[in-house]
Protein backbone atom coordinates (compact mmCIF):
# COMPACT_ATOMS: atom_id res chain seq x y z
CA MET A 1 13.84 62.57 8.15
CA VAL A 2 16.36 60.57 6.09
CA ALA A 3 16.54 63.71 4.22
CA ARG A 4 17.33 65.48 7.44
CA LEU A 5 20.10 62.82 8.24
CA GLY A 6 21.73 63.62 5.05
CA GLY A 7 21.87 66.72 5.59
CA PHE A 8 19.20 68.45 3.83
CA LEU A 9 17.78 71.83 5.70
CA GLY A 10 14.32 72.11 5.06
CA ARG A 11 14.40 75.62 4.33
CA LYS A 12 11.23 77.58 2.66
CA CYS A 13 13.60 78.90 -0.11
CA ASP A 14 16.18 75.12 -1.02
CA GLY A 15 13.19 73.25 -2.23
CA GLY A 16 13.58 69.77 -2.14
CA PRO A 17 16.31 67.17 -1.26
CA GLY A 18 18.25 65.75 -4.48
CA THR A 19 19.18 62.14 -4.66
CA GLN A 20 22.90 63.01 -2.84
CA THR A 21 21.11 64.33 0.12
CA LEU A 22 19.17 61.42 0.54
CA TRP A 23 21.91 58.41 -0.33
CA LEU A 24 24.15 60.69 2.18
CA GLY A 25 20.81 59.89 4.72
CA LEU A 26 20.20 56.36 3.79
CA GLN A 27 23.86 55.55 4.29
CA ARG A 28 23.43 57.29 7.86
CA LEU A 29 20.15 56.00 8.71
CA ASP A 30 21.92 52.09 7.91
CA ASP A 31 24.59 52.83 9.91
CA ILE A 32 22.51 53.62 12.84
CA THR A 33 20.43 50.78 12.31
CA GLU A 34 23.47 48.63 12.24
CA MET A 35 24.73 50.39 15.61
CA TRP A 36 21.66 49.58 17.21
CA LYS A 37 21.12 45.92 16.27
CA ILE A 38 24.82 45.51 17.96
CA SER A 39 24.38 47.87 21.33
CA MET A 40 19.97 46.56 22.25
CA PRO A 41 21.60 43.29 23.29
CA VAL A 42 24.43 44.56 25.37
CA LEU A 43 22.99 47.58 27.00
CA ALA A 44 18.77 46.64 27.62
CA PRO A 45 19.09 42.21 26.71
CA HIS A 46 15.29 42.60 28.67
CA ALA A 47 13.98 44.90 25.85
CA LEU A 48 14.61 42.15 22.84
CA ASP A 49 12.67 39.73 25.04
CA PRO A 50 8.84 38.85 24.25
CA PRO A 51 6.02 40.02 26.22
CA LEU A 52 5.41 37.85 28.95
CA VAL A 53 1.40 36.33 27.85
CA SER A 54 -0.84 34.76 30.39
CA SER A 55 -1.82 31.42 30.58
CA ILE A 56 -5.01 31.76 32.47
CA ASN A 57 -7.88 32.75 30.12
CA VAL A 58 -11.05 34.86 31.62
CA GLY A 59 -13.93 34.44 30.22
CA LYS A 60 -16.42 37.24 29.81
CA ASP A 61 -18.78 35.91 32.70
CA LYS A 62 -15.73 35.95 34.96
CA LEU A 63 -14.78 39.21 36.54
CA VAL A 64 -10.74 39.99 38.01
CA LYS A 65 -9.71 41.85 40.68
CA GLY A 66 -9.64 45.30 39.91
CA ASP A 67 -11.08 44.64 36.71
CA ALA A 68 -12.73 47.97 34.89
CA ARG A 69 -16.30 46.28 34.77
CA ASN A 70 -16.62 45.09 38.47
CA ASN A 71 -15.23 48.62 39.86
CA THR A 72 -12.66 47.40 42.54
CA PRO A 73 -9.68 48.82 42.82
């Protein structure tokens, strides 16, 4: 993936990517990462919030409505 970002085409006769191609790919990946860090708080602030965890504990013996164990919708 990094080689592709550096311009490596991946044809059968090309061989492997060289150091310059990998270096250019790493620089481009760094640019993409920096732009992602800048844009995520602005474009999708909800995506950076940690997931909500329920404080309700359901034991092994207790069944919850909609649970697959009690076959209720």
